[in-house]
Protein backbone atom coordinates (compact mmCIF):
# COMPACT_ATOMS: atom_id res chain seq x y z
CA MET A 1 34.61 19.39 46.71
CA THR A 2 30.81 19.61 46.37
CA ARG A 3 28.78 17.28 44.16
CA SER A 4 27.96 20.04 41.66
CA VAL A 5 31.63 21.04 41.38
CA ARG A 6 32.67 17.40 40.88
CA CYS A 7 30.01 17.02 38.16
CA ALA A 8 31.16 20.19 36.42
CA ALA A 9 34.78 19.05 36.50
CA TRP A 10 33.90 15.63 35.13
CA LEU A 11 31.79 17.14 32.36
CA ALA A 12 34.63 19.47 31.39
CA VAL A 13 37.01 16.51 31.04
CA LEU A 14 34.44 14.55 29.03
CA ALA A 15 33.82 17.48 26.70
CA ALA A 16 37.54 17.92 26.12
CA LEU A 17 37.96 14.26 25.20
CA GLN A 18 35.04 14.41 22.78
CA ALA A 19 36.33 17.58 21.11
CA ALA A 20 39.40 16.02 19.50
CA PRO A 21 38.70 16.14 15.75
CA LEU A 22 37.79 12.97 13.86
CA PRO A 23 38.64 12.98 10.15
CA ALA A 24 35.64 13.32 7.82
CA GLN A 25 35.63 10.48 5.35
CA GLU A 26 33.40 9.36 2.56
CA ILE A 27 31.34 6.25 3.22
CA ARG A 28 31.78 3.81 0.38
CA PHE A 29 29.60 0.78 -0.35
CA ASN A 30 29.38 -1.03 -3.67
CA VAL A 31 25.60 -0.85 -3.90
CA ILE A 32 24.11 -2.32 -7.06
CA PRO A 33 20.86 -0.55 -8.01
CA TYR A 34 18.30 -2.31 -10.16
CA ARG A 35 14.78 -1.44 -11.27
CA LEU A 36 12.15 -3.87 -12.52
CA ASP A 37 9.83 -2.96 -15.37
CA ASN A 38 6.95 -2.55 -12.89
CA GLY A 39 8.89 0.16 -11.04
CA LEU A 40 10.18 -1.83 -8.07
CA LYS A 41 13.59 -0.50 -7.06
CA VAL A 42 16.22 -2.87 -5.66
CA LEU A 43 19.43 -1.93 -3.84
CA ALA A 44 21.82 -4.84 -3.36
CA LEU A 45 24.95 -4.68 -1.17
CA GLU A 46 27.05 -7.85 -1.17
CA ASP A 47 28.96 -8.58 2.08
CA HIS A 48 30.27 -12.05 2.90
CA SER A 49 31.50 -11.22 6.42
CA VAL A 50 28.95 -13.58 7.98
CA PRO A 51 26.63 -16.18 6.38
CA ALA A 52 23.52 -14.06 6.89
CA LEU A 53 21.71 -11.13 5.36
CA SER A 54 19.01 -8.55 5.99
CA TYR A 55 16.10 -7.82 3.66
CA TYR A 56 14.23 -4.52 3.97
CA THR A 57 11.18 -3.35 2.04
CA PHE A 58 10.48 0.38 2.21
CA PHE A 59 7.01 1.50 1.14
CA ARG A 60 6.66 5.24 0.58
CA VAL A 61 3.52 5.50 2.67
CA GLY A 62 2.84 6.72 6.20
CA SER A 63 0.39 8.90 8.07
CA ARG A 64 1.42 11.73 5.72
CA ASN A 65 -0.56 9.95 2.98
CA GLU A 66 -3.78 9.53 4.95
CA HIS A 67 -6.81 11.80 5.09
CA SER A 68 -9.04 12.94 7.89
CA GLY A 69 -11.55 10.29 8.91
CA ARG A 70 -9.21 7.40 8.08
CA THR A 71 -6.13 8.21 10.15
CA GLY A 72 -4.07 5.26 11.36
CA ILE A 73 -4.64 3.09 8.30
CA SER A 74 -0.92 3.02 7.38
CA HIS A 75 0.05 1.70 10.80
CA LEU A 76 -2.91 -0.70 10.74
CA PHE A 77 -1.48 -2.18 7.54
CA GLU A 78 1.84 -2.78 9.25
CA HIS A 79 -0.04 -5.27 11.44
CA MET A 80 -2.27 -6.71 8.71
CA MET A 81 0.67 -7.54 6.45
CA PHE A 82 1.50 -10.46 8.76
CA ASN A 83 -2.01 -11.93 8.54
CA GLY A 84 -1.54 -14.09 5.49
CA THR A 85 -2.36 -14.32 1.80
CA LYS A 86 -4.31 -16.72 -0.37
CA LYS A 87 -1.15 -18.82 -0.70
CA PHE A 88 0.26 -18.57 2.82
CA GLY A 89 -2.28 -18.42 5.64
CA PRO A 90 -2.20 -16.35 8.85
CA GLY A 91 1.01 -16.81 10.84
CA VAL A 92 2.74 -18.85 8.12
CA PHE A 93 5.15 -16.04 7.22
CA ASP A 94 6.64 -15.91 10.72
CA ARG A 95 6.60 -19.67 11.25
CA MET A 96 8.47 -20.35 8.02
CA LEU A 97 11.04 -17.64 8.69
CA GLU A 98 11.61 -18.60 12.33
CA SER A 99 11.96 -22.28 11.41
CA LYS A 100 15.06 -21.27 9.44
CA GLY A 101 16.50 -19.16 12.26
CA GLY A 102 15.26 -15.82 10.94
CA VAL A 103 13.42 -12.93 12.56
CA SER A 104 11.10 -10.25 11.16
CA ASN A 105 9.49 -7.00 12.23
CA ALA A 106 8.15 -3.72 10.86
CA PHE A 107 7.65 -0.06 11.70
CA THR A 108 5.53 2.85 10.48
CA THR A 109 6.35 6.56 10.61
CA ASN A 110 4.78 9.72 9.24
CA ASP A 111 6.52 9.09 5.89
CA ILE A 112 7.23 5.38 5.44
CA THR A 113 6.26 1.82 6.33
CA VAL A 114 9.15 -0.63 6.53
CA TYR A 115 9.21 -4.43 6.74
CA TYR A 116 12.46 -6.23 7.51
CA GLU A 117 13.94 -9.67 8.05
CA SER A 118 17.34 -10.98 9.10
CA PHE A 119 18.11 -14.64 8.36
CA PRO A 120 20.73 -17.19 7.25
CA SER A 121 21.94 -16.83 3.68
CA GLU A 122 20.39 -20.05 2.38
CA THR A 123 16.92 -18.70 3.25
CA LEU A 124 16.95 -15.80 0.78
CA ASP A 125 14.88 -17.49 -1.94
CA MET A 126 12.16 -18.31 0.60
CA VAL A 127 12.07 -14.74 1.96
CA VAL A 128 11.83 -13.31 -1.56
CA GLU A 129 8.89 -15.60 -2.25
CA LEU A 130 7.14 -14.67 1.02
CA GLU A 131 7.61 -10.91 0.59
CA ALA A 132 6.57 -10.90 -3.07
CA ASP A 133 3.52 -13.00 -2.24
CA ARG A 134 2.18 -10.59 0.34
CA MET A 135 2.82 -7.62 -1.94
CA ALA A 136 0.87 -9.40 -4.67
CA GLY A 137 -2.06 -10.71 -2.70
CA LEU A 138 -2.53 -9.77 0.93
CA ALA A 139 -5.74 -11.30 2.28
CA VAL A 140 -7.89 -8.53 3.76
CA THR A 141 -10.94 -9.95 5.53
CA GLU A 142 -13.45 -8.71 8.06
CA GLU A 143 -11.92 -11.08 10.61
CA SER A 144 -8.32 -9.94 10.09
CA LEU A 145 -9.36 -6.28 10.09
CA ALA A 146 -11.31 -6.65 13.34
CA SER A 147 -8.47 -8.54 15.01
CA GLU A 148 -5.71 -6.11 14.06
CA ARG A 149 -7.89 -3.07 14.73
CA ASP A 150 -8.26 -4.25 18.32
CA VAL A 151 -4.49 -4.71 18.61
CA VAL A 152 -3.82 -1.19 17.29
CA LYS A 153 -6.45 0.36 19.55
CA GLU A 154 -4.83 -1.30 22.55
CA GLU A 155 -1.45 0.00 21.38
CA ARG A 156 -2.93 3.49 21.24
CA ARG A 157 -4.29 3.16 24.78
CA LEU A 158 -0.93 1.96 26.06
CA ARG A 159 1.39 4.42 24.29
CA THR A 160 -0.79 7.53 24.02
CA ASP A 161 -4.00 7.61 26.01
CA ASN A 162 -2.40 6.19 29.17
CA ASP A 163 1.08 7.63 28.64
CA VAL A 164 1.95 11.20 29.60
CA GLU A 165 4.73 11.69 27.04
CA GLY A 166 2.65 10.05 24.32
CA SER A 167 -0.24 12.42 25.05
CA LEU A 168 2.14 15.39 25.13
CA TRP A 169 3.61 14.47 21.74
CA GLU A 170 0.17 14.07 20.19
CA LEU A 171 -0.91 17.49 21.47
CA LEU A 172 2.38 19.10 20.41
CA GLU A 173 2.09 17.99 16.78
CA GLY A 174 -1.63 18.63 16.67
CA THR A 175 -1.03 22.22 17.77
CA ALA A 176 2.09 22.86 15.67
CA TYR A 177 0.45 21.83 12.37
CA LEU A 178 -2.76 23.38 11.09
CA ALA A 179 -3.14 21.82 7.62
CA HIS A 180 -0.46 19.17 7.02
CA PRO A 181 -1.24 15.51 7.81
CA TYR A 182 1.71 15.54 10.22
CA GLN A 183 -0.83 17.03 12.64
CA TRP A 184 -2.42 13.65 13.40
CA PRO A 185 -0.81 10.68 15.14
CA VAL A 186 0.70 7.75 13.25
CA VAL A 187 -1.40 5.38 15.36
CA GLY A 188 -4.54 7.27 14.31
CA TRP A 189 -7.55 8.59 16.19
CA MET A 190 -9.70 6.00 17.92
CA GLN A 191 -12.89 6.95 16.02
CA ASP A 192 -11.05 6.78 12.70
CA LEU A 193 -9.72 3.31 13.48
CA ASP A 194 -13.29 2.18 14.17
CA ALA A 195 -14.45 3.65 10.84
CA ILE A 196 -11.91 1.86 8.58
CA THR A 197 -13.58 -0.74 6.33
CA VAL A 198 -12.35 -3.68 4.28
CA LYS A 199 -13.02 -1.63 1.13
CA ASP A 200 -10.82 1.20 2.51
CA CYS A 201 -8.06 -1.31 3.15
CA GLU A 202 -8.27 -2.89 -0.29
CA GLU A 203 -8.01 0.46 -2.05
CA TYR A 204 -5.23 1.70 0.22
CA PHE A 205 -3.29 -1.50 -0.36
CA ARG A 206 -3.74 -1.36 -4.14
CA VAL A 207 -2.40 2.18 -4.42
CA HIS A 208 0.31 2.33 -1.75
CA TYR A 209 1.63 -1.24 -1.72
CA ALA A 210 2.32 -1.30 -5.44
CA PRO A 211 5.83 -2.24 -6.62
CA ASN A 212 6.39 1.23 -8.08
CA ASN A 213 5.93 2.64 -4.56
CA ALA A 214 8.51 0.36 -2.93
CA THR A 215 12.25 -0.18 -2.59
CA VAL A 216 13.77 -3.54 -1.64
CA ILE A 217 17.18 -3.44 0.02
CA LEU A 218 19.25 -6.52 0.72
CA VAL A 219 22.60 -6.52 2.46
CA GLY A 220 24.78 -9.49 3.29
CA ASP A 221 25.94 -12.87 2.05
CA PHE A 222 24.48 -13.39 -1.43
CA LYS A 223 25.41 -13.23 -5.10
CA PRO A 224 23.76 -10.12 -6.63
CA ASP A 225 22.99 -11.68 -10.04
CA ARG A 226 21.31 -14.68 -8.44
CA ALA A 227 19.40 -12.57 -5.88
CA ILE A 228 18.16 -10.09 -8.47
CA GLY A 229 17.10 -13.01 -10.65
CA TRP A 230 14.94 -14.39 -7.82
CA ILE A 231 13.49 -10.94 -7.13
CA SER A 232 12.70 -10.35 -10.81
CA LYS A 233 10.93 -13.68 -11.09
CA ALA A 234 8.94 -13.27 -7.84
CA TYR A 235 7.95 -9.61 -8.18
CA GLY A 236 7.99 -9.09 -11.94
CA SER A 237 4.36 -10.04 -12.56
CA ILE A 238 2.97 -7.68 -9.90
CA PRO A 239 1.45 -4.76 -11.82
CA ALA A 240 2.42 -1.15 -11.25
CA GLN A 241 -0.34 1.24 -10.15
CA PRO A 242 -1.09 4.89 -10.85
CA GLY A 243 0.64 7.17 -8.38
CA ALA A 244 -1.08 7.87 -5.09
CA PRO A 245 -2.76 11.27 -4.66
CA PRO A 246 -0.22 13.77 -3.33
CA PRO A 247 -0.55 14.63 0.36
CA VAL A 248 -1.71 18.03 1.55
CA ARG A 249 1.41 20.20 1.76
CA ASN A 250 0.01 23.71 2.18
CA GLU A 251 0.97 24.24 5.83
CA PRO A 252 0.85 28.02 6.41
CA GLU A 253 3.84 29.80 7.87
CA GLN A 254 3.54 30.16 11.63
CA LYS A 255 3.55 33.82 12.64
CA GLY A 256 3.05 33.68 16.36
CA GLU A 257 3.64 31.42 19.31
CA ARG A 258 1.02 28.74 19.96
CA ARG A 259 0.34 27.28 23.39
CA ALA A 260 -1.47 24.30 24.86
CA LEU A 261 -1.86 22.99 28.39
CA LEU A 262 -2.07 19.29 29.20
CA LYS A 263 -3.36 18.19 32.62
CA ARG A 264 -2.42 14.62 33.48
CA ALA A 265 -2.01 12.41 36.52
CA THR A 266 1.74 12.85 36.72
CA GLN A 267 4.14 13.73 39.51
CA LEU A 268 6.25 16.29 37.69
CA PRO A 269 5.51 19.17 35.31
CA ALA A 270 7.14 19.16 31.88
CA VAL A 271 7.61 21.60 29.01
CA ALA A 272 8.01 20.90 25.29
CA PHE A 273 8.91 23.32 22.47
CA ALA A 274 8.38 22.50 18.79
CA TYR A 275 9.89 24.78 16.11
CA HIS A 276 9.07 24.45 12.42
CA VAL A 277 12.18 23.54 10.40
CA PRO A 278 12.73 22.56 6.74
CA ALA A 279 12.46 19.07 5.28
CA ALA A 280 15.38 16.66 5.62
CA SER A 281 16.49 17.43 2.06
CA SER A 282 17.28 21.05 3.05
CA GLU A 283 20.89 22.11 3.56
CA ASP A 284 19.84 23.46 6.98
CA LEU A 285 19.54 19.85 8.15
CA PHE A 286 23.24 19.52 8.91
CA ALA A 287 23.50 22.62 11.09
CA LEU A 288 20.29 21.74 12.91
CA ASP A 289 21.46 18.16 13.54
CA LEU A 290 24.65 19.51 15.10
CA LEU A 291 22.67 22.07 17.10
CA GLN A 292 20.59 19.20 18.48
CA ILE A 293 23.78 17.63 19.83
CA VAL A 294 25.14 20.90 21.19
CA LEU A 295 21.92 21.59 23.06
CA GLY A 296 20.83 18.22 24.32
CA GLU A 297 22.87 15.14 23.52
CA GLY A 298 25.05 13.82 26.31
CA GLU A 299 25.88 14.90 29.83
CA SER A 300 28.08 17.76 28.66
CA SER A 301 25.49 19.30 26.31
CA ARG A 302 24.31 22.83 27.06
CA LEU A 303 20.80 22.14 28.29
CA VAL A 304 21.74 19.11 30.36
CA ARG A 305 24.72 20.88 31.89
CA ARG A 306 22.89 24.13 32.60
CA LEU A 307 19.40 22.94 33.57
CA VAL A 308 20.09 19.54 35.14
CA TYR A 309 23.45 20.06 36.86
CA GLU A 310 24.06 23.78 37.38
CA LYS A 311 20.60 25.31 37.90
CA GLU A 312 19.02 22.01 39.03
CA LEU A 313 15.71 22.86 37.34
CA ALA A 314 15.23 19.67 35.33
CA THR A 315 15.58 15.94 35.83
CA ARG A 316 15.82 15.26 32.11
CA VAL A 317 16.24 17.15 28.85
CA GLU A 318 15.84 15.76 25.33
CA VAL A 319 16.34 17.46 21.97
CA GLU A 320 15.49 16.10 18.52
CA ASN A 321 15.78 17.50 15.03
CA ILE A 322 13.24 15.31 13.23
CA TRP A 323 13.90 14.09 9.69
CA ARG A 324 10.82 14.17 7.47
CA ILE A 325 10.01 14.37 3.77
CA ASP A 326 8.10 17.62 4.27
CA PRO A 327 8.96 20.49 6.66
CA ALA A 328 9.42 19.04 10.12
CA LEU A 329 9.92 20.00 13.76
CA PHE A 330 12.87 20.70 16.06
CA VAL A 331 11.68 19.54 19.49
CA VAL A 332 13.00 20.35 22.97
CA TYR A 333 11.55 18.53 25.99
CA ALA A 334 12.37 19.05 29.67
CA GLU A 335 10.95 17.46 32.82
CA ALA A 336 10.99 19.64 35.92
CA LYS A 337 12.60 18.64 39.21
CA PRO A 338 10.28 18.29 42.21
CA GLY A 339 9.30 21.72 43.47
CA VAL A 340 10.25 23.55 40.25
CA ALA A 341 7.43 25.50 38.59
CA PRO A 342 6.99 24.88 34.84
CA GLU A 343 7.24 28.65 34.25
CA ALA A 344 10.77 28.69 35.69
CA LEU A 345 11.80 25.71 33.59
CA GLU A 346 10.34 27.24 30.43
CA ALA A 347 12.10 30.55 31.02
CA ALA A 348 15.47 28.83 31.44
CA LEU A 349 14.93 26.68 28.34
CA SER A 350 13.92 29.68 26.28
CA ALA A 351 16.94 31.72 27.40
CA GLU A 352 19.41 28.99 26.44
CA ILE A 353 17.78 28.44 23.04
CA ASP A 354 17.67 32.19 22.34
CA LEU A 355 21.38 32.37 23.15
CA ALA A 356 22.11 29.77 20.45
CA GLY A 357 20.74 32.18 17.85
CA ARG A 358 22.78 35.15 19.06
CA GLN A 359 26.14 33.66 19.95
CA GLU A 360 28.34 31.29 17.97
CA VAL A 361 29.02 27.87 19.45
CA GLY A 362 32.57 27.36 20.65
CA ALA A 363 35.07 25.47 18.54
CA SER A 364 35.24 22.58 21.00
CA GLU A 365 31.43 22.37 21.22
CA LEU A 366 31.10 22.23 17.46
CA GLN A 367 33.84 19.65 17.08
CA LYS A 368 32.28 17.50 19.79
CA ALA A 369 28.95 17.63 17.92
CA LYS A 370 30.64 16.60 14.67
CA ASN A 371 32.41 13.73 16.42
CA VAL A 372 29.19 12.52 18.01
CA ARG A 373 27.38 12.66 14.66
CA THR A 374 30.22 10.84 12.90
CA THR A 375 30.36 8.15 15.56
CA SER A 376 26.60 7.58 15.57
CA GLN A 377 26.51 7.32 11.77
CA VAL A 378 29.37 4.82 11.69
CA LYS A 379 27.75 2.75 14.47
CA ALA A 380 24.51 2.65 12.50
CA LEU A 381 26.38 0.92 9.67
CA LYS A 382 27.99 -1.87 11.69
CA THR A 383 25.46 -4.58 10.84
CA ASN A 384 23.69 -5.84 7.73
CA ALA A 385 20.41 -4.54 9.14
CA GLY A 386 21.94 -1.17 9.95
CA LYS A 387 23.33 -0.74 6.45
CA ALA A 388 20.02 -1.74 4.85
CA GLU A 389 18.01 0.64 7.02
CA GLN A 390 20.36 3.55 6.43
CA LEU A 391 20.35 3.02 2.67
CA GLY A 392 16.56 3.01 2.73
CA LEU A 393 16.32 6.12 4.88
CA PHE A 394 18.68 8.10 2.66
CA GLU A 395 16.82 6.90 -0.44
CA THR A 396 13.61 8.18 1.19
CA TYR A 397 14.69 11.52 2.59
CA PHE A 398 17.31 12.60 0.05
CA GLY A 399 15.98 10.92 -3.07
CA SER A 400 19.08 8.74 -3.45
CA HIS A 401 20.96 6.27 -1.26
CA THR A 402 24.22 7.74 -2.58
CA ARG A 403 23.74 10.78 -0.34
CA LEU A 404 24.83 8.54 2.53
CA PHE A 405 28.31 8.36 1.03
CA THR A 406 29.05 12.09 1.50
CA ILE A 407 27.00 12.80 4.63
CA LEU A 408 29.99 13.00 6.98
CA LYS A 409 31.67 15.64 4.81
CA SER A 410 28.44 17.66 4.88
CA TYR A 411 28.53 17.73 8.67
CA ASP A 412 32.24 18.52 8.69
CA ALA A 413 31.60 21.55 6.45
CA VAL A 414 29.21 23.18 8.96
CA THR A 415 30.66 26.27 10.60
CA ALA A 416 29.95 27.96 13.92
CA PRO A 417 28.24 30.91 12.17
CA GLY A 418 26.18 28.36 10.20
CA VAL A 419 24.85 26.78 13.40
CA MET A 420 24.08 30.17 14.92
CA ASN A 421 22.31 31.37 11.77
CA ALA A 422 20.20 28.21 11.57
CA ALA A 423 19.17 28.67 15.21
CA ALA A 424 18.32 32.33 14.63
CA ARG A 425 16.36 31.51 11.49
CA HIS A 426 14.24 28.70 12.91
CA LEU A 427 14.30 28.63 16.72
CA ARG A 428 12.31 31.84 17.14
CA PRO A 429 9.51 32.36 19.68
CA ASP A 430 7.02 33.25 16.94
CA ASN A 431 7.86 29.96 15.18
CA ARG A 432 7.33 27.96 18.35
CA THR A 433 4.60 25.76 19.80
CA VAL A 434 4.72 25.27 23.57
CA VAL A 435 2.97 22.48 25.44
CA THR A 436 3.08 22.45 29.23
CA VAL A 437 2.20 19.36 31.25
CA VAL A 438 0.92 20.01 34.77
CA PRO A 439 0.01 17.45 37.43
CA GLU A 440 -3.67 16.87 37.93
CA GLU A 441 -5.34 15.79 41.16
CA SER A 442 -7.60 12.76 41.02
CA GLY A 443 -10.59 15.09 41.14
CA GLY A 444 -9.40 16.83 37.98
CA GLU A 445 -8.06 20.08 39.47
CA ALA A 446 -4.44 21.01 38.88
CA ARG A 447 -2.26 21.49 41.94
CA PRO A 448 -1.43 25.08 42.77
């Protein structure tokens, strides 16, 4: 038996095992919602399984809220928020938390900036005080701005300027979007980072880090009445602010394929497709999420099976249906095997994607996708931190955390014709941006 035949047989067995139906169930958590007079929203989920809890603060601000000339300021703030206040100096936040056995971190996306801590239960009152203090009075100085600007610029060099996939992603989004702020990178452009001033930071903080632009989520071992009392006392005096200016949302409909070529010092060519798709709140989300799994998640998925194992054109294939507040992208990425021309890889990718819009997925394929989605959602809810993050994400993208409770039934309701119709509607060549990466010789000329 040849290697390719053995792989095909193994994949067939794996697909069959994954295709057994899992029952769709509602997710039920006793979340207590609370809103302070200044607009701060609190979601509290009591769980005494372990003597610990997680505390997440979601700010509804990301690169989507920036403007040209000041890109990267949202991500810059993610770093500056750990640089101290008038009450607690630089580094004190982390030292106090870590002295109690806790950990903290943060992340910024196109749509949100999130700060989170996990710690022993008895530390909750301290964490509430620390988080409320930096919302009320972050210290923005020339020194802290210069220090964190250098850190962010180095991060950009590492993850984008000197990284092939980072450069590809930046070019892909910059080509796919013409008007929407999603066109620029979350980390920002280098010149824009240099241009950000203390005054810019103070105004951005005032508007976007206001309590009426935030949601606090706590999950774990605490008494809700006591916790909400602490939060009300710590945050209650922070004033609400007028709403931030709405982001630019007038992205024109794409009516023809767009292309870009990226020459980099890399060994292997690669191809990426980006298709415009609706916002996460659209009903098309569920079919597109399942299509992502059918096409590219796991060894038995279509693109991996066909392009990596059968045709041996690619070393790796990745597919992502991106969740965003505004219309987003469905992205397909493939890295060519040595000796394979990018044109051959692109043609094979395009043929498989076109087929998804003309032919219904098989019953076993669809059931496998539903099982994978169900399993991944349940796994994401195993920990306090996972529950808190998921509640915050659903509050952000669907307008209510309660949408999490019925999400599995929404996936279970997707039909094979629904997946095919979503593919036909959105994964069209004239709705596609293509970026090709080709190896570049040290002298700057691409290899033939």
